[in-house]
Amino acid sequence: MYREEDMRPAIEISGLSKVYHQRRGVDFIAVDNLSLSVPPGQVFGFLGANGAGKTTTIKMLCGLIIPSSGRLRINGYDVQRERSLAMRQIGAVLEGTRNVYWRLSAWQNLLYFGRLKGCPGKEVRSRAERLLRELDLWEQRDMNLRFFSRGMQQKVAIACALIADPSIVLLDEPTLGLDVQAAHTLKTWIMNLAHEQGKTVILTTHQLDIAQELCQRVAIMRRGRLLTSQTLSDLLSLFREEHYHIRVQGRHRQAVMEACSDFEVTEEDGSTLLSGAVERQEELYVLLERLRHQGFALLDVHRVEPDLEQVFLRLMEKEENHVAVHA
C-alpha cells in the first residue's frame, strides 16, 4: 500500500490567482494566490460560502477560465501548456444537469459525449451500457431526457462525465435538489468511484453533512483565499473539546440541574440527558460519582464529536475576527 506522501498528486495548484479588472478601476480578486495539492484516489471536498472562489477555481481547472497567474497541473500535465492532455484526465459536472442535452435520450447523450472525447464506437457503447445499468437507467435509455426526473437527469450528467473513463471527476453540487433516494444512490456511487475504482473525486457542495460523510480531505476557501486544506479527521480535531452526553434513568430534570449546574439538562423518552464540557477527565469521574451517590441510575456516557458544520462556522468566525483586528 502506497503512502499518500509517496504518490504524485492528482491535482497541483501553485500560486493561482484570478483578477477581474473592472471599468471603474477597482479590481475584483476572485482567487488569491491559491496553492493546493489533491492526493489521488480520494473524495476531496472543496468548500466555502458563495463568492469564496470555488467555482472560479474549478473552471480554471477545466480550462474554461484563463488564470491571471499561477500554475495548474492535472496528473502532471500543465493545464495551459498541455491543455489537451490535461483535459483528457478529467470529467466534470458543472451546474448540474446543464451538462447534457435534454432533447436527446440518455443513450444518445452518452454516445455523443463519448465520441466527442475520442472514445472508439465499440468501446463507448460498452461503457454507456455499463454506466446506465449501474445507475438503474438501462430500461429508460431511449427516453428523451427532458421527461426524466431531476435525479435521473443528474445521473445521466455524471455518466456523461465518466464516459471516457477519466481518472479525476469534478462534481459541483451533485445532490442538490434531489430526493432522499436519488441522493443516496449518488452518494453510494461517489464512494464507489473513489474506493472501488480508484478515481479522484473533487466535490464542491454547501451541504456540509454530505461532505463529512463522503470526503477524506477538505479545503475551505473564503473570499478567494485558502483557509485550510487537510484530512477531515485533522480538521474535526481542531476544535475538539471534552464534551459529553450523560443519560440517567427517569425524569429528574430539576434534581439533576441542582446537582450539575454547569450542564444543560433535558428530559426525553423517560430519561434525563446532561450535555456539557469538562476540562479534564478527572472532572467527568467526579461528576459521575456525584450522580451515583445521589441515587441516579446511569444509562450511558459518550463523548460528542464535533461535526463539519460547527468547524466550518468556527473557522469563518475566527477569520472574520482576525480580519477585523487587522483592518
C-alpha atoms as a PDB file:
ATOM      1  CA  MET A   1       0.000   0.000   0.000  1.00  0.00           C
ATOM      2  CA  TYR A   2       1.375   3.388  -1.017  1.00  0.00           C
ATOM      3  CA  ARG A   3       1.681   6.190   1.481  1.00  0.00           C
ATOM      4  CA  GLU A   4      -0.007   9.451   0.488  1.00  0.00           C
ATOM      5  CA  GLU A   5       3.298  11.331   0.559  1.00  0.00           C
ATOM      6  CA  ASP A   6       4.782   8.870  -1.968  1.00  0.00           C
ATOM      7  CA  MET A   7       2.068   9.427  -4.594  1.00  0.00           C
ATOM      8  CA  ARG A   8       2.062  12.038  -7.312  1.00  0.00           C
ATOM      9  CA  PRO A   9      -0.783  14.485  -6.651  1.00  0.00           C
ATOM     10  CA  ALA A  10      -3.806  14.175  -8.897  1.00  0.00           C
ATOM     11  CA  ILE A  11      -4.079  17.973  -8.892  1.00  0.00           C
ATOM     12  CA  GLU A  12      -1.381  20.533  -8.107  1.00  0.00           C
ATOM     13  CA  ILE A  13      -2.259  24.207  -7.804  1.00  0.00           C
ATOM     14  CA  SER A  14       0.579  26.687  -7.263  1.00  0.00           C
ATOM     15  CA  GLY A  15       0.166  30.432  -6.679  1.00  0.00           C
ATOM     16  CA  LEU A  16      -3.105  30.523  -8.606  1.00  0.00           C
ATOM     17  CA  SER A  17      -4.873  33.876  -8.925  1.00  0.00           C
ATOM     18  CA  LYS A  18      -7.713  35.256 -10.982  1.00  0.00           C
ATOM     19  CA  VAL A  19      -8.264  39.011 -11.088  1.00  0.00           C
ATOM     20  CA  TYR A  20     -11.133  40.673 -12.933  1.00  0.00           C
ATOM     21  CA  HIS A  21     -10.400  44.268 -13.977  1.00  0.00           C
ATOM     22  CA  GLN A  22     -13.473  46.443 -13.573  1.00  0.00           C
ATOM     23  CA  ARG A  23     -14.315  49.579 -15.518  1.00  0.00           C
ATOM     24  CA  ARG A  24     -14.092  51.853 -12.501  1.00  0.00           C
ATOM     25  CA  GLY A  25     -10.545  50.750 -11.829  1.00  0.00           C
ATOM     26  CA  VAL A  26     -11.269  48.603  -8.748  1.00  0.00           C
ATOM     27  CA  ASP A  27     -10.021  45.084  -9.367  1.00  0.00           C
ATOM     28  CA  PHE A  28     -12.036  42.107  -8.129  1.00  0.00           C
ATOM     29  CA  ILE A  29      -9.842  39.240  -6.900  1.00  0.00           C
ATOM     30  CA  ALA A  30     -11.833  36.026  -7.329  1.00  0.00           C
ATOM     31  CA  VAL A  31      -8.941  33.705  -6.413  1.00  0.00           C
ATOM     32  CA  ASP A  32      -5.962  34.996  -4.460  1.00  0.00           C
ATOM     33  CA  ASN A  33      -2.618  33.125  -4.590  1.00  0.00           C
ATOM     34  CA  LEU A  34      -4.104  29.667  -4.088  1.00  0.00           C
ATOM     35  CA  SER A  35      -1.749  26.716  -3.566  1.00  0.00           C
ATOM     36  CA  LEU A  36      -3.292  23.298  -3.096  1.00  0.00           C
ATOM     37  CA  SER A  37      -2.434  19.627  -3.599  1.00  0.00           C
ATOM     38  CA  VAL A  38      -5.051  16.887  -4.045  1.00  0.00           C
ATOM     39  CA  PRO A  39      -3.977  13.258  -3.473  1.00  0.00           C
ATOM     40  CA  PRO A  40      -5.217  10.597  -5.922  1.00  0.00           C
ATOM     41  CA  GLY A  41      -7.983   8.103  -5.207  1.00  0.00           C
ATOM     42  CA  GLN A  42      -9.884  10.169  -2.648  1.00  0.00           C
ATOM     43  CA  VAL A  43     -13.056  12.200  -2.358  1.00  0.00           C
ATOM     44  CA  PHE A  44     -11.814  15.762  -1.839  1.00  0.00           C
ATOM     45  CA  GLY A  45     -14.246  18.369  -0.557  1.00  0.00           C
ATOM     46  CA  PHE A  46     -13.904  21.913  -1.871  1.00  0.00           C
ATOM     47  CA  LEU A  47     -15.934  24.078   0.480  1.00  0.00           C
ATOM     48  CA  GLY A  48     -16.793  27.715   1.037  1.00  0.00           C
ATOM     49  CA  ALA A  49     -19.641  30.205   1.037  1.00  0.00           C
ATOM     50  CA  ASN A  50     -20.934  31.840  -2.141  1.00  0.00           C
ATOM     51  CA  GLY A  51     -18.212  34.049  -3.601  1.00  0.00           C
ATOM     52  CA  ALA A  52     -15.391  32.080  -1.954  1.00  0.00           C
ATOM     53  CA  GLY A  53     -13.740  31.313  -5.307  1.00  0.00           C
ATOM     54  CA  LYS A  54     -14.583  27.611  -5.605  1.00  0.00           C
ATOM     55  CA  THR A  55     -16.362  27.773  -8.949  1.00  0.00           C
ATOM     56  CA  THR A  56     -13.717  30.056 -10.466  1.00  0.00           C
ATOM     57  CA  THR A  57     -11.004  27.612  -9.392  1.00  0.00           C
ATOM     58  CA  ILE A  58     -12.891  24.626 -10.818  1.00  0.00           C
ATOM     59  CA  LYS A  59     -13.425  26.433 -14.130  1.00  0.00           C
ATOM     60  CA  MET A  60      -9.704  27.225 -14.316  1.00  0.00           C
ATOM     61  CA  LEU A  61      -9.008  23.525 -13.738  1.00  0.00           C
ATOM     62  CA  CYS A  62     -11.352  22.702 -16.625  1.00  0.00           C
ATOM     63  CA  GLY A  63      -9.616  25.212 -18.896  1.00  0.00           C
ATOM     64  CA  LEU A  64     -12.746  27.374 -19.138  1.00  0.00           C
ATOM     65  CA  ILE A  65     -11.121  30.411 -17.479  1.00  0.00           C
ATOM     66  CA  ILE A  66      -7.542  31.582 -18.005  1.00  0.00           C
ATOM     67  CA  PRO A  67      -5.689  32.299 -14.728  1.00  0.00           C
ATOM     68  CA  SER A  68      -4.164  35.715 -14.130  1.00  0.00           C
ATOM     69  CA  SER A  69      -1.138  33.968 -12.612  1.00  0.00           C
ATOM     70  CA  GLY A  70      -0.044  30.655 -11.186  1.00  0.00           C
ATOM     71  CA  ARG A  71       0.140  27.078 -12.405  1.00  0.00           C
ATOM     72  CA  LEU A  72      -2.284  24.162 -12.609  1.00  0.00           C
ATOM     73  CA  ARG A  73      -1.227  20.540 -13.137  1.00  0.00           C
ATOM     74  CA  ILE A  74      -3.587  17.601 -13.607  1.00  0.00           C
ATOM     75  CA  ASN A  75      -1.889  14.211 -13.243  1.00  0.00           C
ATOM     76  CA  GLY A  76       1.357  16.049 -14.001  1.00  0.00           C
ATOM     77  CA  TYR A  77       0.077  17.805 -17.153  1.00  0.00           C
ATOM     78  CA  ASP A  78       0.175  21.600 -17.206  1.00  0.00           C
ATOM     79  CA  VAL A  79      -3.326  22.909 -17.976  1.00  0.00           C
ATOM     80  CA  GLN A  80      -2.044  25.857 -20.023  1.00  0.00           C
ATOM     81  CA  ARG A  81       0.915  24.256 -21.810  1.00  0.00           C
ATOM     82  CA  GLU A  82      -0.524  20.745 -22.248  1.00  0.00           C
ATOM     83  CA  ARG A  83      -4.218  21.558 -22.267  1.00  0.00           C
ATOM     84  CA  SER A  84      -5.353  18.660 -24.476  1.00  0.00           C
ATOM     85  CA  LEU A  85      -3.578  16.028 -22.381  1.00  0.00           C
ATOM     86  CA  ALA A  86      -4.704  17.641 -19.121  1.00  0.00           C
ATOM     87  CA  MET A  87      -8.353  17.762 -20.191  1.00  0.00           C
ATOM     88  CA  ARG A  88      -8.319  14.051 -21.010  1.00  0.00           C
ATOM     89  CA  GLN A  89      -7.690  13.357 -17.341  1.00  0.00           C
ATOM     90  CA  ILE A  90     -10.929  14.887 -16.077  1.00  0.00           C
ATOM     91  CA  GLY A  91     -14.685  14.568 -16.346  1.00  0.00           C
ATOM     92  CA  ALA A  92     -16.781  17.395 -14.962  1.00  0.00           C
ATOM     93  CA  VAL A  93     -20.389  18.022 -13.979  1.00  0.00           C
ATOM     94  CA  LEU A  94     -20.729  21.782 -13.613  1.00  0.00           C
ATOM     95  CA  GLU A  95     -24.005  23.407 -12.594  1.00  0.00           C
ATOM     96  CA  GLY A  96     -25.862  20.119 -12.506  1.00  0.00           C
ATOM     97  CA  THR A  97     -27.826  18.865 -15.491  1.00  0.00           C
ATOM     98  CA  ARG A  98     -26.821  21.697 -17.852  1.00  0.00           C
ATOM     99  CA  ASN A  99     -24.033  19.381 -18.992  1.00  0.00           C
ATOM    100  CA  VAL A 100     -26.403  17.212 -21.047  1.00  0.00           C
ATOM    101  CA  TYR A 101     -28.790  17.710 -23.968  1.00  0.00           C
ATOM    102  CA  TRP A 102     -32.372  17.439 -22.806  1.00  0.00           C
ATOM    103  CA  ARG A 103     -33.770  16.758 -26.298  1.00  0.00           C
ATOM    104  CA  LEU A 104     -31.618  13.639 -26.684  1.00  0.00           C
ATOM    105  CA  SER A 105     -32.119  10.322 -24.946  1.00  0.00           C
ATOM    106  CA  ALA A 106     -29.813   9.076 -22.196  1.00  0.00           C
ATOM    107  CA  TRP A 107     -28.237   6.631 -24.670  1.00  0.00           C
ATOM    108  CA  GLN A 108     -27.719   9.334 -27.311  1.00  0.00           C
ATOM    109  CA  ASN A 109     -26.136  11.678 -24.766  1.00  0.00           C
ATOM    110  CA  LEU A 110     -23.610   9.067 -23.701  1.00  0.00           C
ATOM    111  CA  LEU A 111     -22.715   8.116 -27.279  1.00  0.00           C
ATOM    112  CA  TYR A 112     -22.373  11.784 -28.244  1.00  0.00           C
ATOM    113  CA  PHE A 113     -20.084  12.735 -25.368  1.00  0.00           C
ATOM    114  CA  GLY A 114     -18.101   9.516 -25.677  1.00  0.00           C
ATOM    115  CA  ARG A 115     -17.302  10.104 -29.347  1.00  0.00           C
ATOM    116  CA  LEU A 116     -16.672  13.802 -28.647  1.00  0.00           C
ATOM    117  CA  LYS A 117     -13.975  12.745 -26.175  1.00  0.00           C
ATOM    118  CA  GLY A 118     -12.374  10.385 -28.653  1.00  0.00           C
ATOM    119  CA  CYS A 119     -13.679   7.003 -27.493  1.00  0.00           C
ATOM    120  CA  PRO A 120     -13.976   4.310 -30.240  1.00  0.00           C
ATOM    121  CA  GLY A 121     -17.562   3.391 -31.125  1.00  0.00           C
ATOM    122  CA  LYS A 122     -17.487  -0.175 -29.749  1.00  0.00           C
ATOM    123  CA  GLU A 123     -15.814   0.956 -26.540  1.00  0.00           C
ATOM    124  CA  VAL A 124     -18.196   3.850 -25.924  1.00  0.00           C
ATOM    125  CA  ARG A 125     -21.230   1.600 -26.389  1.00  0.00           C
ATOM    126  CA  SER A 126     -19.887  -0.895 -23.870  1.00  0.00           C
ATOM    127  CA  ARG A 127     -19.163   1.852 -21.312  1.00  0.00           C
ATOM    128  CA  ALA A 128     -22.535   3.502 -21.908  1.00  0.00           C
ATOM    129  CA  GLU A 129     -24.388   0.262 -21.231  1.00  0.00           C
ATOM    130  CA  ARG A 130     -22.350  -0.417 -18.062  1.00  0.00           C
ATOM    131  CA  LEU A 131     -22.927   3.096 -16.699  1.00  0.00           C
ATOM    132  CA  LEU A 132     -26.660   3.069 -17.406  1.00  0.00           C
ATOM    133  CA  ARG A 133     -27.058  -0.348 -15.787  1.00  0.00           C
ATOM    134  CA  GLU A 134     -25.086   0.735 -12.708  1.00  0.00           C
ATOM    135  CA  LEU A 135     -27.354   3.761 -12.356  1.00  0.00           C
ATOM    136  CA  ASP A 136     -30.581   1.790 -12.901  1.00  0.00           C
ATOM    137  CA  LEU A 137     -31.333   3.689 -16.121  1.00  0.00           C
ATOM    138  CA  TRP A 138     -30.943   0.937 -18.686  1.00  0.00           C
ATOM    139  CA  GLU A 139     -34.684   0.447 -19.172  1.00  0.00           C
ATOM    140  CA  GLN A 140     -35.094   4.221 -19.758  1.00  0.00           C
ATOM    141  CA  ARG A 141     -32.091   4.557 -22.084  1.00  0.00           C
ATOM    142  CA  ASP A 142     -34.181   5.567 -25.127  1.00  0.00           C
ATOM    143  CA  MET A 143     -36.383   8.062 -23.268  1.00  0.00           C
ATOM    144  CA  ASN A 144     -35.967  11.765 -24.017  1.00  0.00           C
ATOM    145  CA  LEU A 145     -34.028  13.382 -21.152  1.00  0.00           C
ATOM    146  CA  ARG A 146     -36.490  16.244 -20.706  1.00  0.00           C
ATOM    147  CA  PHE A 147     -39.008  13.702 -19.374  1.00  0.00           C
ATOM    148  CA  PHE A 148     -36.586  12.442 -16.713  1.00  0.00           C
ATOM    149  CA  SER A 149     -36.804  13.481 -13.074  1.00  0.00           C
ATOM    150  CA  ARG A 150     -34.050  15.781 -11.781  1.00  0.00           C
ATOM    151  CA  GLY A 151     -32.389  12.833 -10.081  1.00  0.00           C
ATOM    152  CA  MET A 152     -32.366  10.795 -13.292  1.00  0.00           C
ATOM    153  CA  GLN A 153     -31.016  13.765 -15.258  1.00  0.00           C
ATOM    154  CA  GLN A 154     -28.245  14.204 -12.694  1.00  0.00           C
ATOM    155  CA  LYS A 155     -27.313  10.540 -13.026  1.00  0.00           C
ATOM    156  CA  VAL A 156     -27.027  10.916 -16.807  1.00  0.00           C
ATOM    157  CA  ALA A 157     -24.909  14.061 -16.418  1.00  0.00           C
ATOM    158  CA  ILE A 158     -22.460  12.189 -14.177  1.00  0.00           C
ATOM    159  CA  ALA A 159     -22.451   9.208 -16.546  1.00  0.00           C
ATOM    160  CA  CYS A 160     -21.552  11.566 -19.415  1.00  0.00           C
ATOM    161  CA  ALA A 161     -18.659  12.930 -17.344  1.00  0.00           C
ATOM    162  CA  LEU A 162     -17.420   9.354 -16.822  1.00  0.00           C
ATOM    163  CA  ILE A 163     -17.959   8.001 -20.320  1.00  0.00           C
ATOM    164  CA  ALA A 164     -14.297   8.496 -21.307  1.00  0.00           C
ATOM    165  CA  ASP A 165     -13.168   6.834 -18.045  1.00  0.00           C
ATOM    166  CA  PRO A 166     -11.264   9.851 -16.627  1.00  0.00           C
ATOM    167  CA  SER A 167      -9.155   9.385 -13.515  1.00  0.00           C
ATOM    168  CA  ILE A 168     -10.411  12.664 -11.998  1.00  0.00           C
ATOM    169  CA  VAL A 169     -14.083  13.637 -11.646  1.00  0.00           C
ATOM    170  CA  LEU A 170     -15.255  17.165 -10.727  1.00  0.00           C
ATOM    171  CA  LEU A 171     -18.764  17.272  -9.249  1.00  0.00           C
ATOM    172  CA  ASP A 172     -20.428  20.597  -8.490  1.00  0.00           C
ATOM    173  CA  GLU A 173     -23.323  20.200  -6.000  1.00  0.00           C
ATOM    174  CA  PRO A 174     -24.217  16.720  -7.325  1.00  0.00           C
ATOM    175  CA  THR A 175     -27.020  16.031  -4.801  1.00  0.00           C
ATOM    176  CA  LEU A 176     -28.609  19.494  -4.713  1.00  0.00           C
ATOM    177  CA  GLY A 177     -32.369  19.336  -5.206  1.00  0.00           C
ATOM    178  CA  LEU A 178     -32.532  15.526  -5.269  1.00  0.00           C
ATOM    179  CA  ASP A 179     -34.963  13.437  -3.248  1.00  0.00           C
ATOM    180  CA  VAL A 180     -33.628  11.206  -0.468  1.00  0.00           C
ATOM    181  CA  GLN A 181     -33.480   8.036  -2.570  1.00  0.00           C
ATOM    182  CA  ALA A 182     -31.748   9.683  -5.553  1.00  0.00           C
ATOM    183  CA  ALA A 183     -29.258  11.443  -3.251  1.00  0.00           C
ATOM    184  CA  HIS A 184     -28.464   8.145  -1.519  1.00  0.00           C
ATOM    185  CA  THR A 185     -27.821   6.428  -4.867  1.00  0.00           C
ATOM    186  CA  LEU A 186     -25.451   9.192  -5.969  1.00  0.00           C
ATOM    187  CA  LYS A 187     -23.591   9.242  -2.645  1.00  0.00           C
ATOM    188  CA  THR A 188     -23.068   5.486  -2.836  1.00  0.00           C
ATOM    189  CA  TRP A 189     -21.820   5.833  -6.396  1.00  0.00           C
ATOM    190  CA  ILE A 190     -19.410   8.645  -5.481  1.00  0.00           C
ATOM    191  CA  MET A 191     -17.908   6.469  -2.747  1.00  0.00           C
ATOM    192  CA  ASN A 192     -17.573   3.637  -5.254  1.00  0.00           C
ATOM    193  CA  LEU A 193     -15.752   5.861  -7.744  1.00  0.00           C
ATOM    194  CA  ALA A 194     -13.005   6.597  -5.221  1.00  0.00           C
ATOM    195  CA  HIS A 195     -12.816   3.456  -3.118  1.00  0.00           C
ATOM    196  CA  GLU A 196     -13.539   0.773  -5.711  1.00  0.00           C
ATOM    197  CA  GLN A 197     -12.403   2.369  -8.974  1.00  0.00           C
ATOM    198  CA  GLY A 198      -9.526   4.481  -7.584  1.00  0.00           C
ATOM    199  CA  LYS A 199     -10.738   7.739  -9.102  1.00  0.00           C
ATOM    200  CA  THR A 200     -10.124  11.164  -7.576  1.00  0.00           C
ATOM    201  CA  VAL A 201     -13.413  12.964  -6.919  1.00  0.00           C
ATOM    202  CA  ILE A 202     -13.459  16.731  -6.351  1.00  0.00           C
ATOM    203  CA  LEU A 203     -16.736  17.564  -4.643  1.00  0.00           C
ATOM    204  CA  THR A 204     -17.990  21.134  -4.253  1.00  0.00           C
ATOM    205  CA  THR A 205     -21.029  21.448  -2.019  1.00  0.00           C
ATOM    206  CA  HIS A 206     -22.794  23.660   0.500  1.00  0.00           C
ATOM    207  CA  GLN A 207     -24.233  20.554   2.174  1.00  0.00           C
ATOM    208  CA  LEU A 208     -21.603  20.042   4.851  1.00  0.00           C
ATOM    209  CA  ASP A 209     -23.194  16.866   6.205  1.00  0.00           C
ATOM    210  CA  ILE A 210     -22.664  15.254   2.793  1.00  0.00           C
ATOM    211  CA  ALA A 211     -19.059  16.495   2.671  1.00  0.00           C
ATOM    212  CA  GLN A 212     -18.451  14.982   6.108  1.00  0.00           C
ATOM    213  CA  GLU A 213     -19.996  11.703   5.017  1.00  0.00           C
ATOM    214  CA  LEU A 214     -18.056  11.368   1.753  1.00  0.00           C
ATOM    215  CA  CYS A 215     -14.741  13.233   1.961  1.00  0.00           C
ATOM    216  CA  GLN A 216     -11.341  12.094   3.196  1.00  0.00           C
ATOM    217  CA  ARG A 217      -9.844  15.568   2.815  1.00  0.00           C
ATOM    218  CA  VAL A 218     -11.356  19.045   2.581  1.00  0.00           C
ATOM    219  CA  ALA A 219     -10.218  22.513   1.571  1.00  0.00           C
ATOM    220  CA  ILE A 220     -12.090  25.597   2.795  1.00  0.00           C
ATOM    221  CA  MET A 221     -11.930  28.937   0.977  1.00  0.00           C
ATOM    222  CA  ARG A 222     -13.086  32.414   1.972  1.00  0.00           C
ATOM    223  CA  ARG A 223     -13.115  35.421  -0.347  1.00  0.00           C
ATOM    224  CA  GLY A 224     -10.656  33.876  -2.769  1.00  0.00           C
ATOM    225  CA  ARG A 225      -8.143  32.714  -0.177  1.00  0.00           C
ATOM    226  CA  LEU A 226      -7.484  29.253   1.212  1.00  0.00           C
ATOM    227  CA  LEU A 227      -8.218  28.968   4.930  1.00  0.00           C
ATOM    228  CA  THR A 228      -7.211  25.338   5.360  1.00  0.00           C
ATOM    229  CA  SER A 229      -6.607  22.085   3.497  1.00  0.00           C
ATOM    230  CA  GLN A 230      -6.217  18.876   5.493  1.00  0.00           C
ATOM    231  CA  THR A 231      -7.702  15.497   6.257  1.00  0.00           C
ATOM    232  CA  LEU A 232     -11.237  15.532   7.579  1.00  0.00           C
ATOM    233  CA  SER A 233     -10.175  13.882  10.835  1.00  0.00           C
ATOM    234  CA  ASP A 234      -7.467  16.500  11.450  1.00  0.00           C
ATOM    235  CA  LEU A 235      -9.881  19.313  10.644  1.00  0.00           C
ATOM    236  CA  LEU A 236     -12.524  17.998  13.045  1.00  0.00           C
ATOM    237  CA  SER A 237      -9.908  17.735  15.794  1.00  0.00           C
ATOM    238  CA  LEU A 238      -9.101  21.469  15.569  1.00  0.00           C
ATOM    239  CA  PHE A 239     -11.985  22.383  17.846  1.00  0.00           C
ATOM    240  CA  ARG A 240     -12.468  19.082  19.636  1.00  0.00           C
ATOM    241  CA  GLU A 241     -13.476  19.548  23.264  1.00  0.00           C
ATOM    242  CA  GLU A 242     -14.185  17.129  26.085  1.00  0.00           C
ATOM    243  CA  HIS A 243     -17.936  17.461  25.513  1.00  0.00           C
ATOM    244  CA  TYR A 244     -20.132  14.682  26.888  1.00  0.00           C
ATOM    245  CA  HIS A 245     -23.692  13.421  26.891  1.00  0.00           C
ATOM    246  CA  ILE A 246     -24.664  11.649  30.110  1.00  0.00           C
ATOM    247  CA  ARG A 247     -28.030   9.907  30.382  1.00  0.00           C
ATOM    248  CA  VAL A 248     -29.666   8.785  33.624  1.00  0.00           C
ATOM    249  CA  GLN A 249     -32.833   6.794  34.085  1.00  0.00           C
ATOM    250  CA  GLY A 250     -36.070   8.608  34.899  1.00  0.00           C
ATOM    251  CA  ARG A 251     -37.282  12.176  34.575  1.00  0.00           C
ATOM    252  CA  HIS A 252     -35.274  14.143  37.136  1.00  0.00           C
ATOM    253  CA  ARG A 253     -34.528  17.439  35.390  1.00  0.00           C
ATOM    254  CA  GLN A 254     -34.823  19.714  38.416  1.00  0.00           C
ATOM    255  CA  ALA A 255     -32.875  17.438  40.752  1.00  0.00           C
ATOM    256  CA  VAL A 256     -30.100  16.872  38.198  1.00  0.00           C
ATOM    257  CA  MET A 257     -29.845  20.610  37.494  1.00  0.00           C
ATOM    258  CA  GLU A 258     -29.279  21.253  41.191  1.00  0.00           C
ATOM    259  CA  ALA A 259     -26.528  18.626  41.270  1.00  0.00           C
ATOM    260  CA  CYS A 260     -24.884  19.644  37.984  1.00  0.00           C
ATOM    261  CA  SER A 261     -25.440  23.356  37.441  1.00  0.00           C
ATOM    262  CA  ASP A 262     -22.772  23.638  34.721  1.00  0.00           C
ATOM    263  CA  PHE A 263     -24.532  21.181  32.390  1.00  0.00           C
ATOM    264  CA  GLU A 264     -27.536  21.619  30.115  1.00  0.00           C
ATOM    265  CA  VAL A 265     -30.271  19.255  31.323  1.00  0.00           C
ATOM    266  CA  THR A 266     -33.233  17.989  29.288  1.00  0.00           C
ATOM    267  CA  GLU A 267     -35.787  15.194  29.585  1.00  0.00           C
ATOM    268  CA  GLU A 268     -36.622  12.813  26.775  1.00  0.00           C
ATOM    269  CA  ASP A 269     -38.012   9.281  26.393  1.00  0.00           C
ATOM    270  CA  GLY A 270     -38.326   8.705  30.111  1.00  0.00           C
ATOM    271  CA  SER A 271     -34.735   9.666  30.847  1.00  0.00           C
ATOM    272  CA  THR A 272     -32.725  12.761  31.741  1.00  0.00           C
ATOM    273  CA  LEU A 273     -29.887  13.959  29.483  1.00  0.00           C
ATOM    274  CA  LEU A 274     -26.954  16.080  30.646  1.00  0.00           C
ATOM    275  CA  SER A 275     -24.868  17.865  27.988  1.00  0.00           C
ATOM    276  CA  GLY A 276     -21.724  19.843  28.679  1.00  0.00           C
ATOM    277  CA  ALA A 277     -17.951  20.186  28.531  1.00  0.00           C
ATOM    278  CA  VAL A 278     -15.303  19.231  31.086  1.00  0.00           C
ATOM    279  CA  GLU A 279     -11.737  20.493  31.065  1.00  0.00           C
ATOM    280  CA  ARG A 280     -10.173  17.298  32.433  1.00  0.00           C
ATOM    281  CA  GLN A 281     -11.164  13.636  32.606  1.00  0.00           C
ATOM    282  CA  GLU A 282     -10.984  13.804  36.402  1.00  0.00           C
ATOM    283  CA  GLU A 283     -13.927  16.234  36.408  1.00  0.00           C
ATOM    284  CA  LEU A 284     -16.033  13.703  34.500  1.00  0.00           C
ATOM    285  CA  TYR A 285     -15.274  10.982  37.060  1.00  0.00           C
ATOM    286  CA  VAL A 286     -16.202  13.329  39.925  1.00  0.00           C
ATOM    287  CA  LEU A 287     -19.490  14.202  38.206  1.00  0.00           C
ATOM    288  CA  LEU A 288     -20.402  10.550  37.610  1.00  0.00           C
ATOM    289  CA  GLU A 289     -19.639   9.690  41.228  1.00  0.00           C
ATOM    290  CA  ARG A 290     -21.833  12.603  42.376  1.00  0.00           C
ATOM    291  CA  LEU A 291     -24.733  11.340  40.285  1.00  0.00           C
ATOM    292  CA  ARG A 292     -24.286   7.796  41.595  1.00  0.00           C
ATOM    293  CA  HIS A 293     -24.080   8.995  45.173  1.00  0.00           C
ATOM    294  CA  GLN A 294     -27.388  10.884  44.801  1.00  0.00           C
ATOM    295  CA  GLY A 295     -29.114   7.750  43.556  1.00  0.00           C
ATOM    296  CA  PHE A 296     -29.385   8.400  39.814  1.00  0.00           C
ATOM    297  CA  ALA A 297     -29.181   5.247  37.646  1.00  0.00           C
ATOM    298  CA  LEU A 298     -26.650   5.807  34.873  1.00  0.00           C
ATOM    299  CA  LEU A 299     -27.743   4.622  31.409  1.00  0.00           C
ATOM    300  CA  ASP A 300     -24.875   5.749  29.169  1.00  0.00           C
ATOM    301  CA  VAL A 301     -21.991   8.182  28.748  1.00  0.00           C
ATOM    302  CA  HIS A 302     -20.397   9.186  25.451  1.00  0.00           C
ATOM    303  CA  ARG A 303     -18.189  11.933  24.139  1.00  0.00           C
ATOM    304  CA  VAL A 304     -19.733  14.136  21.462  1.00  0.00           C
ATOM    305  CA  GLU A 305     -17.597  14.622  18.376  1.00  0.00           C
ATOM    306  CA  PRO A 306     -17.709  17.971  16.524  1.00  0.00           C
ATOM    307  CA  ASP A 307     -19.275  18.000  13.070  1.00  0.00           C
ATOM    308  CA  LEU A 308     -18.013  19.709   9.940  1.00  0.00           C
ATOM    309  CA  GLU A 309     -20.661  22.433  10.064  1.00  0.00           C
ATOM    310  CA  GLN A 310     -19.540  23.504  13.549  1.00  0.00           C
ATOM    311  CA  VAL A 311     -15.877  23.526  12.499  1.00  0.00           C
ATOM    312  CA  PHE A 312     -16.695  25.457   9.306  1.00  0.00           C
ATOM    313  CA  LEU A 313     -18.599  28.147  11.209  1.00  0.00           C
ATOM    314  CA  ARG A 314     -15.880  28.493  13.833  1.00  0.00           C
ATOM    315  CA  LEU A 315     -13.192  28.822  11.161  1.00  0.00           C
ATOM    316  CA  MET A 316     -15.219  31.535   9.444  1.00  0.00           C
ATOM    317  CA  GLU A 317     -15.767  33.338  12.739  1.00  0.00           C
ATOM    318  CA  LYS A 318     -12.065  33.112  13.584  1.00  0.00           C
ATOM    319  CA  GLU A 319     -11.110  34.514  10.181  1.00  0.00           C
ATOM    320  CA  GLU A 320     -13.606  37.386  10.426  1.00  0.00           C
ATOM    321  CA  ASN A 321     -12.263  38.318  13.868  1.00  0.00           C
ATOM    322  CA  HIS A 322      -8.713  38.211  12.502  1.00  0.00           C
ATOM    323  CA  VAL A 323      -9.646  40.489   9.596  1.00  0.00           C
ATOM    324  CA  ALA A 324     -11.473  42.898  11.917  1.00  0.00           C
ATOM    325  CA  VAL A 325      -8.450  43.177  14.248  1.00  0.00           C
ATOM    326  CA  HIS A 326      -6.089  43.951  11.359  1.00  0.00           C
ATOM    327  CA  ALA A 327      -8.467  46.237   9.471  1.00  0.00           C
END
